[in-house]
Amino acid sequence: MYIDAHNFSPLWEELYDTRMNLWKFQTTLPQRVEVPGVGPVVTPGVDVELIWDIQRNHASVGGESAGSVYVNEQAPAEFQDMAHYTTPAGLNLIMR
């Protein structure tokens, strides 16, 4: 593992199979988001991940776009009802 000293996120991993042959490479690319009242923040919670399976010659990619993440008051008004999203009674309504 190669760890980013800034946010302690693994940026690069080498994965080996049971015979200790190199199997996959994985990289995590943290994205920068604007946090109201704080400024730009690089976080492992919003990232793009790439995995290369070199034994099967296959690659996969997934993740979040920094442009689709809302922080604090950036979230749409319907998601800012704290009682609805943080109390047992409110969460019970969501789980129906």
PDB file of N, CA and C in Angstrom:
ATOM      1  N   MET A   1       0.843  -1.181   0.000  1.00  0.00           N
ATOM      2  CA  MET A   1       0.000   0.000   0.000  1.00  0.00           C
ATOM      3  C   MET A   1       0.885   1.240   0.000  1.00  0.00           C
ATOM      4  N   TYR A   2       0.441   2.221  -0.724  1.00  0.00           N
ATOM      5  CA  TYR A   2       1.087   3.514  -0.724  1.00  0.00           C
ATOM      6  C   TYR A   2       0.060   4.498  -0.179  1.00  0.00           C
ATOM      7  N   ILE A   3       0.360   5.093   0.975  1.00  0.00           N
ATOM      8  CA  ILE A   3      -0.593   5.901   1.718  1.00  0.00           C
ATOM      9  C   ILE A   3      -0.269   7.378   1.554  1.00  0.00           C
ATOM     10  N   ASP A   4      -1.324   8.200   1.351  1.00  0.00           N
ATOM     11  CA  ASP A   4      -1.178   9.646   1.275  1.00  0.00           C
ATOM     12  C   ASP A   4      -1.000  10.195   2.690  1.00  0.00           C
ATOM     13  N   ALA A   5       0.082  10.881   2.953  1.00  0.00           N
ATOM     14  CA  ALA A   5       0.356  11.416   4.284  1.00  0.00           C
ATOM     15  C   ALA A   5      -0.605  12.543   4.657  1.00  0.00           C
ATOM     16  N   HIS A   6      -1.259  13.154   3.673  1.00  0.00           N
ATOM     17  CA  HIS A   6      -2.178  14.260   3.953  1.00  0.00           C
ATOM     18  C   HIS A   6      -3.487  13.772   4.570  1.00  0.00           C
ATOM     19  N   ASN A   7      -4.077  12.730   3.993  1.00  0.00           N
ATOM     20  CA  ASN A   7      -5.378  12.269   4.499  1.00  0.00           C
ATOM     21  C   ASN A   7      -5.377  10.783   4.896  1.00  0.00           C
ATOM     22  N   PHE A   8      -4.214  10.160   4.881  1.00  0.00           N
ATOM     23  CA  PHE A   8      -4.038   8.764   5.297  1.00  0.00           C
ATOM     24  C   PHE A   8      -4.907   7.799   4.503  1.00  0.00           C
ATOM     25  N   SER A   9      -5.141   8.126   3.257  1.00  0.00           N
ATOM     26  CA  SER A   9      -5.912   7.274   2.361  1.00  0.00           C
ATOM     27  C   SER A   9      -4.950   6.453   1.505  1.00  0.00           C
ATOM     28  N   PRO A  10      -5.247   5.164   1.306  1.00  0.00           N
ATOM     29  CA  PRO A  10      -4.387   4.381   0.406  1.00  0.00           C
ATOM     30  C   PRO A  10      -4.609   4.828  -1.043  1.00  0.00           C
ATOM     31  N   LEU A  11      -3.572   5.360  -1.652  1.00  0.00           N
ATOM     32  CA  LEU A  11      -3.679   5.849  -3.029  1.00  0.00           C
ATOM     33  C   LEU A  11      -3.367   4.767  -4.050  1.00  0.00           C
ATOM     34  N   TRP A  12      -2.573   3.797  -3.661  1.00  0.00           N
ATOM     35  CA  TRP A  12      -2.164   2.752  -4.593  1.00  0.00           C
ATOM     36  C   TRP A  12      -1.989   1.466  -3.809  1.00  0.00           C
ATOM     37  N   GLU A  13      -2.521   0.367  -4.340  1.00  0.00           N
ATOM     38  CA  GLU A  13      -2.367  -0.932  -3.701  1.00  0.00           C
ATOM     39  C   GLU A  13      -1.980  -1.968  -4.737  1.00  0.00           C
ATOM     40  N   GLU A  14      -1.107  -2.860  -4.326  1.00  0.00           N
ATOM     41  CA  GLU A  14      -0.769  -4.025  -5.138  1.00  0.00           C
ATOM     42  C   GLU A  14      -1.357  -5.234  -4.425  1.00  0.00           C
ATOM     43  N   LEU A  15      -2.177  -5.999  -5.118  1.00  0.00           N
ATOM     44  CA  LEU A  15      -2.834  -7.156  -4.523  1.00  0.00           C
ATOM     45  C   LEU A  15      -2.269  -8.430  -5.136  1.00  0.00           C
ATOM     46  N   TYR A  16      -2.045  -9.429  -4.300  1.00  0.00           N
ATOM     47  CA  TYR A  16      -1.437 -10.685  -4.734  1.00  0.00           C
ATOM     48  C   TYR A  16      -2.390 -11.849  -4.484  1.00  0.00           C
ATOM     49  N   ASP A  17      -2.335 -12.862  -5.328  1.00  0.00           N
ATOM     50  CA  ASP A  17      -3.187 -14.039  -5.148  1.00  0.00           C
ATOM     51  C   ASP A  17      -2.570 -14.977  -4.103  1.00  0.00           C
ATOM     52  N   THR A  18      -3.174 -16.139  -3.885  1.00  0.00           N
ATOM     53  CA  THR A  18      -2.715 -17.062  -2.847  1.00  0.00           C
ATOM     54  C   THR A  18      -1.324 -17.634  -3.122  1.00  0.00           C
ATOM     55  N   ARG A  19      -0.884 -17.566  -4.379  1.00  0.00           N
ATOM     56  CA  ARG A  19       0.469 -18.043  -4.731  1.00  0.00           C
ATOM     57  C   ARG A  19       1.492 -16.904  -4.732  1.00  0.00           C
ATOM     58  N   MET A  20       1.049 -15.732  -4.258  1.00  0.00           N
ATOM     59  CA  MET A  20       1.882 -14.540  -4.211  1.00  0.00           C
ATOM     60  C   MET A  20       2.287 -14.032  -5.591  1.00  0.00           C
ATOM     61  N   ASN A  21       1.438 -14.289  -6.580  1.00  0.00           N
ATOM     62  CA  ASN A  21       1.615 -13.700  -7.908  1.00  0.00           C
ATOM     63  C   ASN A  21       0.837 -12.395  -7.941  1.00  0.00           C
ATOM     64  N   LEU A  22       1.412 -11.397  -8.593  1.00  0.00           N
ATOM     65  CA  LEU A  22       0.725 -10.117  -8.702  1.00  0.00           C
ATOM     66  C   LEU A  22      -0.609 -10.333  -9.402  1.00  0.00           C
ATOM     67  N   TRP A  23      -1.694  -9.849  -8.780  1.00  0.00           N
ATOM     68  CA  TRP A  23      -3.040 -10.100  -9.277  1.00  0.00           C
ATOM     69  C   TRP A  23      -3.701  -8.825  -9.773  1.00  0.00           C
ATOM     70  N   LYS A  24      -3.746  -7.796  -8.901  1.00  0.00           N
ATOM     71  CA  LYS A  24      -4.443  -6.560  -9.249  1.00  0.00           C
ATOM     72  C   LYS A  24      -3.677  -5.346  -8.744  1.00  0.00           C
ATOM     73  N   PHE A  25      -3.910  -4.237  -9.424  1.00  0.00           N
ATOM     74  CA  PHE A  25      -3.497  -2.919  -8.959  1.00  0.00           C
ATOM     75  C   PHE A  25      -4.775  -2.144  -8.671  1.00  0.00           C
ATOM     76  N   GLN A  26      -4.765  -1.384  -7.608  1.00  0.00           N
ATOM     77  CA  GLN A  26      -5.905  -0.522  -7.315  1.00  0.00           C
ATOM     78  C   GLN A  26      -5.388   0.861  -6.969  1.00  0.00           C
ATOM     79  N   THR A  27      -6.020   1.882  -7.527  1.00  0.00           N
ATOM     80  CA  THR A  27      -5.662   3.251  -7.186  1.00  0.00           C
ATOM     81  C   THR A  27      -6.912   4.009  -6.776  1.00  0.00           C
ATOM     82  N   THR A  28      -6.734   4.887  -5.812  1.00  0.00           N
ATOM     83  CA  THR A  28      -7.808   5.755  -5.341  1.00  0.00           C
ATOM     84  C   THR A  28      -7.382   7.186  -5.617  1.00  0.00           C
ATOM     85  N   LEU A  29      -8.240   7.925  -6.299  1.00  0.00           N
ATOM     86  CA  LEU A  29      -7.942   9.300  -6.673  1.00  0.00           C
ATOM     87  C   LEU A  29      -8.911  10.231  -5.937  1.00  0.00           C
ATOM     88  N   PRO A  30      -8.525  10.738  -4.753  1.00  0.00           N
ATOM     89  CA  PRO A  30      -9.408  11.635  -4.006  1.00  0.00           C
ATOM     90  C   PRO A  30      -9.694  12.901  -4.810  1.00  0.00           C
ATOM     91  N   GLN A  31     -10.898  13.419  -4.660  1.00  0.00           N
ATOM     92  CA  GLN A  31     -11.312  14.620  -5.373  1.00  0.00           C
ATOM     93  C   GLN A  31     -11.429  15.785  -4.393  1.00  0.00           C
ATOM     94  N   ARG A  32     -11.295  16.983  -4.882  1.00  0.00           N
ATOM     95  CA  ARG A  32     -11.418  18.181  -4.054  1.00  0.00           C
ATOM     96  C   ARG A  32     -12.859  18.666  -4.087  1.00  0.00           C
ATOM     97  N   VAL A  33     -13.407  19.000  -2.915  1.00  0.00           N
ATOM     98  CA  VAL A  33     -14.754  19.564  -2.823  1.00  0.00           C
ATOM     99  C   VAL A  33     -14.681  20.873  -2.045  1.00  0.00           C
ATOM    100  N   GLU A  34     -15.606  21.768  -2.332  1.00  0.00           N
ATOM    101  CA  GLU A  34     -15.709  23.036  -1.609  1.00  0.00           C
ATOM    102  C   GLU A  34     -16.623  22.845  -0.413  1.00  0.00           C
ATOM    103  N   VAL A  35     -16.114  23.078   0.779  1.00  0.00           N
ATOM    104  CA  VAL A  35     -16.903  22.987   1.999  1.00  0.00           C
ATOM    105  C   VAL A  35     -17.219  24.408   2.449  1.00  0.00           C
ATOM    106  N   PRO A  36     -18.524  24.756   2.551  1.00  0.00           N
ATOM    107  CA  PRO A  36     -18.891  26.109   2.962  1.00  0.00           C
ATOM    108  C   PRO A  36     -18.257  26.485   4.304  1.00  0.00           C
ATOM    109  N   GLY A  37     -17.659  27.661   4.351  1.00  0.00           N
ATOM    110  CA  GLY A  37     -17.035  28.145   5.567  1.00  0.00           C
ATOM    111  C   GLY A  37     -15.652  27.582   5.820  1.00  0.00           C
ATOM    112  N   VAL A  38     -15.220  26.617   5.002  1.00  0.00           N
ATOM    113  CA  VAL A  38     -13.905  26.000   5.183  1.00  0.00           C
ATOM    114  C   VAL A  38     -13.027  26.224   3.961  1.00  0.00           C
ATOM    115  N   GLY A  39     -13.593  25.996   2.775  1.00  0.00           N
ATOM    116  CA  GLY A  39     -12.840  26.111   1.537  1.00  0.00           C
ATOM    117  C   GLY A  39     -12.635  24.758   0.901  1.00  0.00           C
ATOM    118  N   PRO A  40     -11.650  24.628   0.025  1.00  0.00           N
ATOM    119  CA  PRO A  40     -11.419  23.359  -0.661  1.00  0.00           C
ATOM    120  C   PRO A  40     -10.854  22.303   0.291  1.00  0.00           C
ATOM    121  N   VAL A  41     -11.401  21.102   0.188  1.00  0.00           N
ATOM    122  CA  VAL A  41     -10.964  19.986   1.026  1.00  0.00           C
ATOM    123  C   VAL A  41     -10.785  18.772   0.122  1.00  0.00           C
ATOM    124  N   VAL A  42      -9.657  18.088   0.263  1.00  0.00           N
ATOM    125  CA  VAL A  42      -9.433  16.834  -0.445  1.00  0.00           C
ATOM    126  C   VAL A  42      -9.823  15.727   0.527  1.00  0.00           C
ATOM    127  N   THR A  43     -10.750  14.888   0.102  1.00  0.00           N
ATOM    128  CA  THR A  43     -11.260  13.872   1.011  1.00  0.00           C
ATOM    129  C   THR A  43     -11.327  12.518   0.333  1.00  0.00           C
ATOM    130  N   PRO A  44     -11.020  11.443   1.068  1.00  0.00           N
ATOM    131  CA  PRO A  44     -11.155  10.115   0.479  1.00  0.00           C
ATOM    132  C   PRO A  44     -12.608   9.684   0.345  1.00  0.00           C
ATOM    133  N   GLY A  45     -13.542  10.448   0.945  1.00  0.00           N
ATOM    134  CA  GLY A  45     -14.958  10.112   0.834  1.00  0.00           C
ATOM    135  C   GLY A  45     -15.538  10.396  -0.538  1.00  0.00           C
ATOM    136  N   VAL A  46     -14.901  11.235  -1.301  1.00  0.00           N
ATOM    137  CA  VAL A  46     -15.316  11.569  -2.662  1.00  0.00           C
ATOM    138  C   VAL A  46     -14.128  11.227  -3.550  1.00  0.00           C
ATOM    139  N   ASP A  47     -14.186  10.083  -4.169  1.00  0.00           N
ATOM    140  CA  ASP A  47     -13.026   9.662  -4.934  1.00  0.00           C
ATOM    141  C   ASP A  47     -13.411   8.857  -6.162  1.00  0.00           C
ATOM    142  N   VAL A  48     -12.436   8.645  -7.002  1.00  0.00           N
ATOM    143  CA  VAL A  48     -12.558   7.765  -8.155  1.00  0.00           C
ATOM    144  C   VAL A  48     -11.605   6.608  -7.905  1.00  0.00           C
ATOM    145  N   GLU A  49     -12.088   5.392  -8.095  1.00  0.00           N
ATOM    146  CA  GLU A  49     -11.249   4.217  -7.876  1.00  0.00           C
ATOM    147  C   GLU A  49     -11.113   3.420  -9.165  1.00  0.00           C
ATOM    148  N   LEU A  50      -9.904   2.968  -9.423  1.00  0.00           N
ATOM    149  CA  LEU A  50      -9.606   2.161 -10.596  1.00  0.00           C
ATOM    150  C   LEU A  50      -8.986   0.849 -10.118  1.00  0.00           C
ATOM    151  N   ILE A  51      -9.431  -0.252 -10.690  1.00  0.00           N
ATOM    152  CA  ILE A  51      -8.870  -1.557 -10.356  1.00  0.00           C
ATOM    153  C   ILE A  51      -8.499  -2.257 -11.659  1.00  0.00           C
ATOM    154  N   TRP A  52      -7.252  -2.712 -11.734  1.00  0.00           N
ATOM    155  CA  TRP A  52      -6.788  -3.462 -12.898  1.00  0.00           C
ATOM    156  C   TRP A  52      -6.507  -4.893 -12.471  1.00  0.00           C
ATOM    157  N   ASP A  53      -7.210  -5.829 -13.051  1.00  0.00           N
ATOM    158  CA  ASP A  53      -6.958  -7.254 -12.820  1.00  0.00           C
ATOM    159  C   ASP A  53      -6.033  -7.698 -13.941  1.00  0.00           C
ATOM    160  N   ILE A  54      -4.739  -7.825 -13.651  1.00  0.00           N
ATOM    161  CA  ILE A  54      -3.786  -8.130 -14.711  1.00  0.00           C
ATOM    162  C   ILE A  54      -3.797  -9.604 -15.091  1.00  0.00           C
ATOM    163  N   GLN A  55      -4.335 -10.469 -14.233  1.00  0.00           N
ATOM    164  CA  GLN A  55      -4.417 -11.887 -14.578  1.00  0.00           C
ATOM    165  C   GLN A  55      -5.543 -12.154 -15.573  1.00  0.00           C
ATOM    166  N   ARG A  56      -6.593 -11.371 -15.512  1.00  0.00           N
ATOM    167  CA  ARG A  56      -7.734 -11.554 -16.430  1.00  0.00           C
ATOM    168  C   ARG A  56      -7.819 -10.454 -17.491  1.00  0.00           C
ATOM    169  N   ASN A  57      -6.845  -9.542 -17.461  1.00  0.00           N
ATOM    170  CA  ASN A  57      -6.809  -8.450 -18.427  1.00  0.00           C
ATOM    171  C   ASN A  57      -8.121  -7.660 -18.429  1.00  0.00           C
ATOM    172  N   HIS A  58      -8.503  -7.190 -17.225  1.00  0.00           N
ATOM    173  CA  HIS A  58      -9.772  -6.480 -17.063  1.00  0.00           C
ATOM    174  C   HIS A  58      -9.562  -5.281 -16.144  1.00  0.00           C
ATOM    175  N   ALA A  59     -10.275  -4.199 -16.415  1.00  0.00           N
ATOM    176  CA  ALA A  59     -10.211  -3.015 -15.562  1.00  0.00           C
ATOM    177  C   ALA A  59     -11.615  -2.549 -15.219  1.00  0.00           C
ATOM    178  N   SER A  60     -11.758  -1.986 -14.014  1.00  0.00           N
ATOM    179  CA  SER A  60     -13.033  -1.432 -13.556  1.00  0.00           C
ATOM    180  C   SER A  60     -12.779  -0.052 -12.981  1.00  0.00           C
ATOM    181  N   VAL A  61     -13.772   0.813 -13.115  1.00  0.00           N
ATOM    182  CA  VAL A  61     -13.671   2.159 -12.557  1.00  0.00           C
ATOM    183  C   VAL A  61     -14.993   2.507 -11.902  1.00  0.00           C
ATOM    184  N   GLY A  62     -14.922   3.262 -10.826  1.00  0.00           N
ATOM    185  CA  GLY A  62     -16.138   3.710 -10.149  1.00  0.00           C
ATOM    186  C   GLY A  62     -15.804   4.870  -9.246  1.00  0.00           C
ATOM    187  N   GLY A  63     -16.839   5.566  -8.806  1.00  0.00           N
ATOM    188  CA  GLY A  63     -16.594   6.654  -7.872  1.00  0.00           C
ATOM    189  C   GLY A  63     -17.606   7.756  -8.000  1.00  0.00           C
ATOM    190  N   GLU A  64     -17.308   8.816  -7.302  1.00  0.00           N
ATOM    191  CA  GLU A  64     -18.161   9.993  -7.245  1.00  0.00           C
ATOM    192  C   GLU A  64     -17.487  11.152  -7.959  1.00  0.00           C
ATOM    193  N   SER A  65     -18.279  11.937  -8.622  1.00  0.00           N
ATOM    194  CA  SER A  65     -17.769  13.166  -9.205  1.00  0.00           C
ATOM    195  C   SER A  65     -17.841  14.255  -8.144  1.00  0.00           C
ATOM    196  N   ALA A  66     -16.785  15.016  -7.978  1.00  0.00           N
ATOM    197  CA  ALA A  66     -16.775  16.082  -6.979  1.00  0.00           C
ATOM    198  C   ALA A  66     -17.893  17.082  -7.236  1.00  0.00           C
ATOM    199  N   GLY A  67     -18.353  17.197  -8.465  1.00  0.00           N
ATOM    200  CA  GLY A  67     -19.438  18.120  -8.784  1.00  0.00           C
ATOM    201  C   GLY A  67     -20.809  17.639  -8.345  1.00  0.00           C
ATOM    202  N   SER A  68     -20.937  16.376  -7.939  1.00  0.00           N
ATOM    203  CA  SER A  68     -22.239  15.850  -7.526  1.00  0.00           C
ATOM    204  C   SER A  68     -22.350  15.688  -6.016  1.00  0.00           C
ATOM    205  N   VAL A  69     -21.407  16.264  -5.257  1.00  0.00           N
ATOM    206  CA  VAL A  69     -21.406  16.140  -3.808  1.00  0.00           C
ATOM    207  C   VAL A  69     -21.833  17.468  -3.196  1.00  0.00           C
ATOM    208  N   TYR A  70     -22.769  17.394  -2.253  1.00  0.00           N
ATOM    209  CA  TYR A  70     -23.246  18.580  -1.565  1.00  0.00           C
ATOM    210  C   TYR A  70     -22.847  18.497  -0.098  1.00  0.00           C
ATOM    211  N   VAL A  71     -22.298  19.572   0.443  1.00  0.00           N
ATOM    212  CA  VAL A  71     -21.825  19.599   1.820  1.00  0.00           C
ATOM    213  C   VAL A  71     -22.594  20.668   2.597  1.00  0.00           C
ATOM    214  N   ASN A  72     -23.079  20.278   3.782  1.00  0.00           N
ATOM    215  CA  ASN A  72     -23.776  21.185   4.689  1.00  0.00           C
ATOM    216  C   ASN A  72     -24.922  21.907   3.988  1.00  0.00           C
ATOM    217  N   GLU A  73     -24.906  23.232   3.976  1.00  0.00           N
ATOM    218  CA  GLU A  73     -26.028  23.997   3.409  1.00  0.00           C
ATOM    219  C   GLU A  73     -26.122  23.908   1.892  1.00  0.00           C
ATOM    220  N   GLN A  74     -25.170  23.266   1.232  1.00  0.00           N
ATOM    221  CA  GLN A  74     -25.269  23.070  -0.215  1.00  0.00           C
ATOM    222  C   GLN A  74     -26.330  22.025  -0.557  1.00  0.00           C
ATOM    223  N   ALA A  75     -26.679  21.189   0.395  1.00  0.00           N
ATOM    224  CA  ALA A  75     -27.671  20.132   0.146  1.00  0.00           C
ATOM    225  C   ALA A  75     -29.033  20.766  -0.124  1.00  0.00           C
ATOM    226  N   PRO A  76     -29.844  20.136  -0.981  1.00  0.00           N
ATOM    227  CA  PRO A  76     -31.189  20.653  -1.236  1.00  0.00           C
ATOM    228  C   PRO A  76     -31.987  20.769   0.068  1.00  0.00           C
ATOM    229  N   ALA A  77     -32.901  21.723   0.115  1.00  0.00           N
ATOM    230  CA  ALA A  77     -33.662  22.029   1.332  1.00  0.00           C
ATOM    231  C   ALA A  77     -34.371  20.811   1.912  1.00  0.00           C
ATOM    232  N   GLU A  78     -34.892  19.911   1.073  1.00  0.00           N
ATOM    233  CA  GLU A  78     -35.633  18.757   1.601  1.00  0.00           C
ATOM    234  C   GLU A  78     -34.749  17.799   2.404  1.00  0.00           C
ATOM    235  N   PHE A  79     -33.437  17.920   2.263  1.00  0.00           N
ATOM    236  CA  PHE A  79     -32.516  17.064   3.018  1.00  0.00           C
ATOM    237  C   PHE A  79     -31.932  17.760   4.246  1.00  0.00           C
ATOM    238  N   GLN A  80     -32.379  18.970   4.539  1.00  0.00           N
ATOM    239  CA  GLN A  80     -31.848  19.710   5.671  1.00  0.00           C
ATOM    240  C   GLN A  80     -32.730  19.618   6.914  1.00  0.00           C
ATOM    241  N   ASP A  81     -33.715  18.757   6.907  1.00  0.00           N
ATOM    242  CA  ASP A  81     -34.570  18.526   8.079  1.00  0.00           C
ATOM    243  C   ASP A  81     -33.819  17.597   9.034  1.00  0.00           C
ATOM    244  N   MET A  82     -33.138  18.184  10.002  1.00  0.00           N
ATOM    245  CA  MET A  82     -32.263  17.427  10.898  1.00  0.00           C
ATOM    246  C   MET A  82     -33.031  16.360  11.687  1.00  0.00           C
ATOM    247  N   ALA A  83     -34.217  16.693  12.175  1.00  0.00           N
ATOM    248  CA  ALA A  83     -34.989  15.721  12.963  1.00  0.00           C
ATOM    249  C   ALA A  83     -35.376  14.515  12.106  1.00  0.00           C
ATOM    250  N   HIS A  84     -35.663  14.761  10.858  1.00  0.00           N
ATOM    251  CA  HIS A  84     -36.088  13.680   9.957  1.00  0.00           C
ATOM    252  C   HIS A  84     -34.939  12.708   9.675  1.00  0.00           C
ATOM    253  N   TYR A  85     -33.711  13.220   9.570  1.00  0.00           N
ATOM    254  CA  TYR A  85     -32.581  12.386   9.156  1.00  0.00           C
ATOM    255  C   TYR A  85     -31.639  11.986  10.288  1.00  0.00           C
ATOM    256  N   THR A  86     -31.876  12.485  11.519  1.00  0.00           N
ATOM    257  CA  THR A  86     -30.933  12.166  12.598  1.00  0.00           C
ATOM    258  C   THR A  86     -31.578  11.578  13.844  1.00  0.00           C
ATOM    259  N   THR A  87     -32.892  11.433  13.862  1.00  0.00           N
ATOM    260  CA  THR A  87     -33.546  10.863  15.044  1.00  0.00           C
ATOM    261  C   THR A  87     -34.129   9.497  14.706  1.00  0.00           C
ATOM    262  N   PRO A  88     -34.287   8.632  15.698  1.00  0.00           N
ATOM    263  CA  PRO A  88     -34.910   7.332  15.437  1.00  0.00           C
ATOM    264  C   PRO A  88     -36.301   7.458  14.815  1.00  0.00           C
ATOM    265  N   ALA A  89     -37.112   8.416  15.287  1.00  0.00           N
ATOM    266  CA  ALA A  89     -38.462   8.583  14.733  1.00  0.00           C
ATOM    267  C   ALA A  89     -38.401   8.989  13.257  1.00  0.00           C
ATOM    268  N   GLY A  90     -37.509   9.900  12.929  1.00  0.00           N
ATOM    269  CA  GLY A  90     -37.380  10.321  11.535  1.00  0.00           C
ATOM    270  C   GLY A  90     -36.852   9.214  10.650  1.00  0.00           C
ATOM    271  N   LEU A  91     -35.844   8.503  11.120  1.00  0.00           N
ATOM    272  CA  LEU A  91     -35.287   7.388  10.334  1.00  0.00           C
ATOM    273  C   LEU A  91     -36.301   6.266  10.160  1.00  0.00           C
ATOM    274  N   ASN A  92     -37.162   6.084  11.145  1.00  0.00           N
ATOM    275  CA  ASN A  92     -38.225   5.080  11.029  1.00  0.00           C
ATOM    276  C   ASN A  92     -39.160   5.410   9.869  1.00  0.00           C
ATOM    277  N   LEU A  93     -39.435   6.676   9.652  1.00  0.00           N
ATOM    278  CA  LEU A  93     -40.280   7.088   8.521  1.00  0.00           C
ATOM    279  C   LEU A  93     -39.597   6.809   7.187  1.00  0.00           C
ATOM    280  N   ILE A  94     -38.297   6.985   7.135  1.00  0.00           N
ATOM    281  CA  ILE A  94     -37.548   6.744   5.903  1.00  0.00           C
ATOM    282  C   ILE A  94     -37.536   5.260   5.563  1.00  0.00           C
ATOM    283  N   MET A  95     -37.411   4.404   6.561  1.00  0.00           N
ATOM    284  CA  MET A  95     -37.265   2.954   6.351  1.00  0.00           C
ATOM    285  C   MET A  95     -38.566   2.254   5.981  1.00  0.00           C
ATOM    286  N   ARG A  96     -39.660   2.969   5.888  1.00  0.00           N
ATOM    287  CA  ARG A  96     -40.941   2.318   5.531  1.00  0.00           C
ATOM    288  C   ARG A  96     -40.967   1.888   4.103  1.00  0.00           C
TER     289      ARG A  96
END
